[in-house]
Protein backbone atom coordinates (compact mmCIF):
# COMPACT_ATOMS: atom_id res chain seq x y z
CA UNK A 1 -160.88 196.80 175.72
CA UNK A 2 -164.11 197.23 177.69
CA UNK A 3 -165.83 200.04 175.88
CA UNK A 4 -168.73 202.01 177.34
CA UNK A 5 -170.82 203.74 174.65
CA UNK A 6 -173.46 206.23 175.73
CA UNK A 7 -176.45 206.66 173.43
CA UNK A 8 -175.73 203.42 171.65
CA UNK A 9 -179.30 202.85 170.50
CA UNK A 10 -179.37 206.09 168.53
CA UNK A 11 -178.22 206.82 165.01
CA UNK A 12 -174.45 207.25 165.30
CA UNK A 13 -174.30 205.11 168.45
CA UNK A 14 -175.86 201.99 166.93
CA UNK A 15 -173.78 202.33 163.78
CA UNK A 16 -170.63 202.74 165.88
CA UNK A 17 -171.32 199.72 168.09
CA UNK A 18 -172.07 197.58 165.02
CA UNK A 19 -168.86 198.81 163.39
CA UNK A 20 -166.76 197.95 166.46
CA UNK A 21 -168.32 194.54 167.11
CA UNK A 22 -167.83 193.57 163.48
CA UNK A 23 -164.18 194.66 163.58
CA UNK A 24 -162.94 193.74 167.07
CA UNK A 25 -163.42 191.21 169.81
CA UNK A 26 -164.05 193.95 172.37
CA UNK A 27 -166.60 193.98 175.17
CA UNK A 28 -169.09 196.81 174.64
CA UNK A 29 -171.52 198.23 177.18
CA UNK A 30 -174.35 200.23 175.63
CA UNK A 31 -175.77 202.79 178.08
CA UNK A 32 -178.92 204.36 176.69
CA UNK A 33 -181.96 206.22 178.02
CA UNK A 34 -184.10 204.97 175.08
CA UNK A 35 -185.64 208.30 174.14
CA UNK A 36 -187.93 208.85 171.15
CA UNK A 37 -185.10 208.66 168.59
CA UNK A 38 -183.52 205.50 170.01
CA UNK A 39 -184.68 202.03 169.00
CA UNK A 40 -183.86 198.86 170.88
CA UNK A 41 -184.17 196.99 167.58
CA UNK A 42 -181.22 198.87 166.08
CA UNK A 43 -178.82 196.32 167.58
CA UNK A 44 -181.14 193.34 167.88
CA UNK A 45 -178.66 191.09 166.03
CA UNK A 46 -176.25 191.33 168.98
CA UNK A 47 -178.69 190.59 171.83
CA UNK A 48 -177.25 187.07 172.27
CA UNK A 49 -173.63 188.12 171.75
CA UNK A 50 -171.77 187.82 175.06
CA UNK A 51 -169.55 190.77 174.06
CA UNK A 52 -172.53 193.15 174.06
CA UNK A 53 -174.43 194.45 177.08
CA UNK A 54 -177.40 196.84 176.97
CA UNK A 55 -178.03 198.87 180.11
CA UNK A 56 -180.99 201.26 180.27
CA UNK A 57 -180.18 204.37 182.25
CA UNK A 58 -180.02 208.15 182.37
CA UNK A 59 -176.86 210.27 182.45
CA UNK A 60 -178.77 212.84 184.49
CA UNK A 61 -179.06 210.27 187.33
CA UNK A 62 -175.67 209.90 188.97
CA UNK A 63 -176.63 206.60 190.56
CA UNK A 64 -177.11 205.09 187.09
CA UNK A 65 -173.61 206.15 186.04
CA UNK A 66 -172.02 204.92 189.29
CA UNK A 67 -173.72 201.56 188.84
CA UNK A 68 -172.51 200.98 185.30
CA UNK A 69 -168.96 202.18 186.03
CA UNK A 70 -168.63 200.00 189.14
CA UNK A 71 -170.13 196.87 187.59
CA UNK A 72 -168.41 196.92 184.19
CA UNK A 73 -165.28 198.99 184.93
CA UNK A 74 -164.84 200.19 181.34
CA UNK A 75 -161.36 200.98 180.08
CA UNK A 76 -162.63 203.37 177.40
CA UNK A 77 -165.71 205.56 176.94
CA UNK A 78 -167.28 206.97 173.79
CA UNK A 79 -169.86 209.58 174.79
CA UNK A 80 -172.44 209.90 172.00
CA UNK A 81 -175.65 210.40 173.97
CA UNK A 82 -177.18 213.79 173.20
CA UNK A 83 -180.24 215.69 172.18
CA UNK A 84 -179.30 216.82 168.69
CA UNK A 85 -182.19 218.32 166.73
CA UNK A 86 -181.85 222.09 166.40
CA UNK A 87 -185.56 222.69 165.79
CA UNK A 88 -186.43 220.82 168.97
CA UNK A 89 -183.97 222.96 170.90
CA UNK A 90 -185.77 226.07 169.70
CA UNK A 91 -189.11 224.70 170.87
CA UNK A 92 -187.80 223.48 174.26
CA UNK A 93 -184.17 224.07 175.21
CA UNK A 94 -184.34 222.76 178.78
CA UNK A 95 -183.88 219.10 177.87
CA UNK A 96 -180.82 220.02 175.77
CA UNK A 97 -179.15 221.66 178.75
CA UNK A 98 -180.02 218.71 180.96
CA UNK A 99 -178.91 215.97 178.57
CA UNK A 100 -175.98 217.59 176.81
CA UNK A 101 -174.48 219.70 179.59
CA UNK A 102 -175.52 218.10 182.89
CA UNK A 103 -175.30 214.57 181.45
CA UNK A 104 -171.78 215.17 180.16
CA UNK A 105 -170.70 216.77 183.43
CA UNK A 106 -172.04 213.82 185.46
CA UNK A 107 -170.22 211.30 183.27
CA UNK A 108 -166.92 213.16 183.49
CA UNK A 109 -167.14 213.92 187.20
CA UNK A 110 -167.91 210.32 188.14
CA UNK A 111 -165.31 208.91 185.76
CA UNK A 112 -162.58 210.56 187.83
CA UNK A 113 -162.77 207.71 190.33
CA UNK A 114 -162.07 204.96 187.79
CA UNK A 115 -159.07 203.79 185.78
CA UNK A 116 -160.23 204.88 182.34
CA UNK A 117 -157.67 205.14 179.55
CA UNK A 118 -159.61 207.33 177.12
CA UNK A 119 -162.88 209.24 176.91
CA UNK A 120 -164.14 210.41 173.53
CA UNK A 121 -166.67 213.25 173.80
CA UNK A 122 -168.57 214.11 170.62
CA UNK A 123 -169.28 217.75 169.87
CA UNK A 124 -170.49 219.17 166.56
CA UNK A 125 -169.19 221.45 163.83
CA UNK A 126 -172.07 223.74 164.79
CA UNK A 127 -170.15 224.91 167.88
CA UNK A 128 -168.05 227.12 165.58
CA UNK A 129 -171.13 228.89 164.26
CA UNK A 130 -171.46 230.09 160.66
CA UNK A 131 -168.18 230.45 158.75
CA UNK A 132 -167.02 231.40 155.26
CA UNK A 133 -163.96 229.18 154.97
CA UNK A 134 -162.74 226.12 156.88
CA UNK A 135 -161.93 226.45 160.56
CA UNK A 136 -159.34 224.53 162.52
CA UNK A 137 -159.83 223.09 165.97
CA UNK A 138 -158.44 226.16 167.73
CA UNK A 139 -161.09 228.50 166.27
CA UNK A 140 -163.26 230.46 168.68
CA UNK A 141 -166.61 228.90 169.52
CA UNK A 142 -169.63 230.84 168.34
CA UNK A 143 -172.80 228.74 168.89
CA UNK A 144 -176.04 230.33 167.70
CA UNK A 145 -178.77 227.91 168.86
CA UNK A 146 -179.62 226.28 172.19
CA UNK A 147 -178.45 222.97 170.70
CA UNK A 148 -175.03 224.20 169.58
CA UNK A 149 -174.62 226.19 172.80
CA UNK A 150 -175.26 223.05 174.84
CA UNK A 151 -172.66 221.14 172.80
CA UNK A 152 -170.14 223.96 173.12
CA UNK A 153 -170.71 224.03 176.88
CA UNK A 154 -170.17 220.27 177.15
CA UNK A 155 -167.03 220.61 175.03
CA UNK A 156 -165.57 223.29 177.28
CA UNK A 157 -166.41 221.32 180.42
CA UNK A 158 -164.78 218.17 179.09
CA UNK A 159 -161.71 220.09 177.93
CA UNK A 160 -161.38 221.61 181.40
CA UNK A 161 -161.51 218.16 182.98
CA UNK A 162 -158.47 217.17 180.96
CA UNK A 163 -156.49 220.20 182.09
CA UNK A 164 -157.65 220.33 185.71
CA UNK A 165 -158.05 216.64 186.57
CA UNK A 166 -155.94 214.99 183.83
CA UNK A 167 -158.99 213.04 182.70
CA UNK A 168 -158.02 211.41 179.36
CA UNK A 169 -160.53 213.30 177.21
CA UNK A 170 -160.55 213.74 173.44
CA UNK A 171 -163.16 215.94 171.74
CA UNK A 172 -164.41 215.17 168.24
CA UNK A 173 -166.43 217.59 166.11
CA UNK A 174 -168.15 215.87 163.19
CA UNK A 175 -170.11 217.56 160.44
CA UNK A 176 -173.65 216.57 159.40
CA UNK A 177 -173.92 212.79 159.51
CA UNK A 178 -176.28 210.73 157.37
CA UNK A 179 -176.79 207.02 156.79
CA UNK A 180 -178.83 204.00 157.97
CA UNK A 181 -180.85 204.13 161.20
CA UNK A 182 -181.13 207.93 161.26
CA UNK A 183 -184.40 208.98 162.87
CA UNK A 184 -186.58 210.77 160.29
CA UNK A 185 -186.49 214.19 161.91
CA UNK A 186 -183.23 215.05 160.15
CA UNK A 187 -183.24 216.33 156.61
CA UNK A 188 -181.69 213.36 154.76
CA UNK A 189 -184.14 210.70 156.05
CA UNK A 190 -187.05 213.15 155.72
CA UNK A 191 -186.19 213.73 152.06
CA UNK A 192 -185.61 210.04 151.34
CA UNK A 193 -188.71 208.68 153.07
CA UNK A 194 -190.90 211.36 151.52
CA UNK A 195 -189.48 210.73 148.06
CA UNK A 196 -190.00 206.98 148.45
CA UNK A 197 -193.67 207.69 149.13
CA UNK A 198 -193.82 210.35 146.39
CA UNK A 199 -194.58 213.09 148.90
CA UNK A 200 -193.26 216.62 148.86
CA UNK A 201 -189.77 217.40 150.20
CA UNK A 202 -190.15 220.30 152.67
CA UNK A 203 -187.43 222.95 152.81
CA UNK A 204 -187.33 225.78 155.33
CA UNK A 205 -186.29 229.07 153.74
CA UNK A 206 -184.94 229.16 150.19
CA UNK A 207 -182.75 226.06 150.59
CA UNK A 208 -179.47 227.91 150.01
CA UNK A 209 -178.00 226.98 153.40
CA UNK A 210 -174.95 224.79 152.90
CA UNK A 211 -173.78 221.78 154.89
CA UNK A 212 -170.95 219.28 154.82
CA UNK A 213 -172.33 215.72 154.50
CA UNK A 214 -170.45 212.90 156.24
CA UNK A 215 -171.48 209.24 155.95
CA UNK A 216 -171.90 207.73 159.39
CA UNK A 217 -169.43 204.87 158.87
CA UNK A 218 -166.69 207.40 158.19
CA UNK A 219 -167.50 208.96 161.57
CA UNK A 220 -167.26 205.50 163.14
CA UNK A 221 -163.85 204.84 161.59
CA UNK A 222 -162.61 208.23 162.80
CA UNK A 223 -163.69 207.57 166.38
CA UNK A 224 -162.14 204.10 166.18
CA UNK A 225 -158.84 205.66 165.09
CA UNK A 226 -158.93 208.20 167.91
CA UNK A 227 -159.64 205.50 170.48
CA UNK A 228 -156.39 203.84 169.49
CA UNK A 229 -154.15 206.65 168.22
CA UNK A 230 -155.64 209.97 169.34
CA UNK A 231 -153.87 212.25 171.79
CA UNK A 232 -155.57 213.05 175.09
CA UNK A 233 -156.55 216.67 175.51
CA UNK A 234 -156.85 217.26 171.77
CA UNK A 235 -159.80 218.22 169.57
CA UNK A 236 -160.35 216.67 166.14
CA UNK A 237 -162.66 217.85 163.36
CA UNK A 238 -164.29 215.12 161.25
CA UNK A 239 -165.79 216.08 157.90
CA UNK A 240 -166.13 215.03 154.29
CA UNK A 241 -165.01 216.65 151.07
CA UNK A 242 -168.60 217.08 149.90
CA UNK A 243 -170.63 220.20 150.57
CA UNK A 244 -173.93 221.27 149.06
CA UNK A 245 -177.03 223.30 149.83
CA UNK A 246 -180.22 221.85 151.27
CA UNK A 247 -181.97 222.50 147.95
CA UNK A 248 -179.23 220.72 146.01
CA UNK A 249 -179.47 217.81 148.45
CA UNK A 250 -183.19 217.51 147.68
CA UNK A 251 -182.50 217.64 143.95
CA UNK A 252 -179.88 214.89 144.23
CA UNK A 253 -182.21 212.59 146.16
CA UNK A 254 -185.11 213.23 143.77
CA UNK A 255 -182.82 212.51 140.84
CA UNK A 256 -181.75 209.20 142.35
CA UNK A 257 -185.41 208.21 142.59
CA UNK A 258 -186.37 209.59 139.16
CA UNK A 259 -188.67 212.27 140.56
CA UNK A 260 -188.94 215.89 139.31
CA UNK A 261 -187.82 219.00 141.18
CA UNK A 262 -191.47 220.04 141.49
CA UNK A 263 -191.63 217.74 144.52
CA UNK A 264 -189.71 220.40 146.48
CA UNK A 265 -191.80 222.78 148.59
CA UNK A 266 -190.64 225.79 150.60
CA UNK A 267 -191.78 227.23 153.94
CA UNK A 268 -190.75 229.95 156.38
CA UNK A 269 -187.09 229.92 157.34
CA UNK A 270 -186.20 228.40 160.70
CA UNK A 271 -184.93 230.63 163.50
CA UNK A 272 -181.15 230.61 163.94
CA UNK A 273 -180.47 228.70 160.72
CA UNK A 274 -176.75 229.25 160.11
CA UNK A 275 -175.90 229.70 156.45
CA UNK A 276 -172.84 227.46 156.35
CA UNK A 277 -170.44 225.41 158.45
CA UNK A 278 -166.94 224.48 157.30
CA UNK A 279 -164.23 222.57 159.13
CA UNK A 280 -160.61 221.76 158.35
CA UNK A 281 -159.90 218.03 158.83
CA UNK A 282 -156.12 218.10 158.30
CA UNK A 283 -155.41 217.15 161.91
CA UNK A 284 -157.21 213.80 161.87
CA UNK A 285 -156.06 213.09 158.32
CA UNK A 286 -152.47 213.41 159.56
CA UNK A 287 -153.26 210.54 161.95
CA UNK A 288 -154.18 208.33 158.98
CA UNK A 289 -157.95 208.83 158.69
CA UNK A 290 -159.56 209.39 155.32
CA UNK A 291 -163.09 209.53 154.03
CA UNK A 292 -164.08 206.22 152.42
CA UNK A 293 -167.71 206.92 151.54
CA UNK A 294 -167.78 209.78 149.08
CA UNK A 295 -171.24 211.28 148.80
CA UNK A 296 -172.31 209.52 145.61
CA UNK A 297 -171.63 206.16 147.26
CA UNK A 298 -172.94 207.09 150.69
CA UNK A 299 -176.23 208.59 149.57
CA UNK A 300 -176.84 205.65 147.26
CA UNK A 301 -176.37 203.16 150.09
CA UNK A 302 -178.53 205.28 152.39
CA UNK A 303 -181.40 205.44 149.91
CA UNK A 304 -181.26 201.68 149.42
CA UNK A 305 -181.28 201.08 153.16
CA UNK A 306 -184.44 203.15 153.64
CA UNK A 307 -186.00 201.53 150.59
CA UNK A 308 -185.38 198.08 152.10
CA UNK A 309 -186.34 198.95 155.68
CA UNK A 310 -189.78 200.51 155.45
CA UNK A 311 -190.89 198.67 158.59
CA UNK A 312 -188.16 200.44 160.56
CA UNK A 313 -189.07 204.00 159.57
CA UNK A 314 -192.77 203.98 158.69
CA UNK A 315 -194.15 204.43 162.21
CA UNK A 316 -191.34 206.85 163.12
CA UNK A 317 -192.25 209.09 160.20
CA UNK A 318 -195.87 209.24 161.30
CA UNK A 319 -194.86 209.99 164.89
CA UNK A 320 -192.56 212.80 163.84
CA UNK A 321 -195.03 214.31 161.35
CA UNK A 322 -197.72 214.50 164.01
CA UNK A 323 -195.42 216.20 166.54
CA UNK A 324 -193.51 218.68 164.38
CA UNK A 325 -195.56 221.47 162.84
CA UNK A 326 -192.98 222.45 160.18
CA UNK A 327 -192.96 218.99 158.65
CA UNK A 328 -196.74 218.80 158.50
CA UNK A 329 -197.60 222.36 157.49
CA UNK A 330 -196.38 222.27 153.91
CA UNK A 331 -196.34 218.57 153.24
CA UNK A 332 -199.79 217.65 154.57
CA UNK A 333 -199.09 213.96 153.92
CA UNK A 334 -200.28 214.25 150.32
CA UNK A 335 -198.72 213.20 147.07
CA UNK A 336 -197.86 215.90 144.56
CA UNK A 337 -199.76 216.34 141.34
CA UNK A 338 -196.55 216.16 139.33
């Protein structure tokens, strides 16, 4: 297998490439734009591995895609590159449309001219919008933010390319991922890195919004399974059995680090903050996938990774805090008096 992975220097991408190189003797081409949340050091251990190739490029430039497809002739593609932070999409949605919609379209359109056996396109559980129960893959899409709308658009485009052009596309819709190498703009690394420095944990709104928390390696194993056993033209939800509110998440992390709940601070609720997402994962479980990292294990390993890799996240935290007003407004970079 010659596997092209887009966005392979990001959070899920770098974890997925590491997972695949450690499991298989496949050739992997990492195509990445190296935006603010990507880090070339995420896969530094493979820079001398002849199975791994890093190519810097932009999915919004067709010539970059043509070049990588013609030179490497991948047999499989896993499309992970995306702008993914909801708050950023509220501040500036244009880059989300460019990266997530136009970038996906370019990749699919240009892939038509090559002999590719399978293309995995990653969506998000947020494309379904807020739900009370657990939705299956055939549920109507109801995105409520520029981010989720861009992912829903890319999903519909890719699904149409299967039906119209018989492009071998599979869509996957994972729930909230967490784990090592996650850029500290997302809630889990924000909470962990703040708690490690005994700073306040900022929560927008009252913290009652609920999410499903999926450890990144379980996402990697699901995509691996679909590369080998998935059915073209299908959509697969990927989620865990663990769900909790943002406030409860903060309490769990504080408890792991022996810090009191008084470290939690609240601010104004974010625009378009869906109360809850819930997905039914029966379809992929029937293929043989199961969650291996239950939350107690996954969050423990994640905390330890951030504890042991301060050099990786320290400068990123400062960069994010200076650029994102919500993070800085309530936290102010100060320790609590508790």
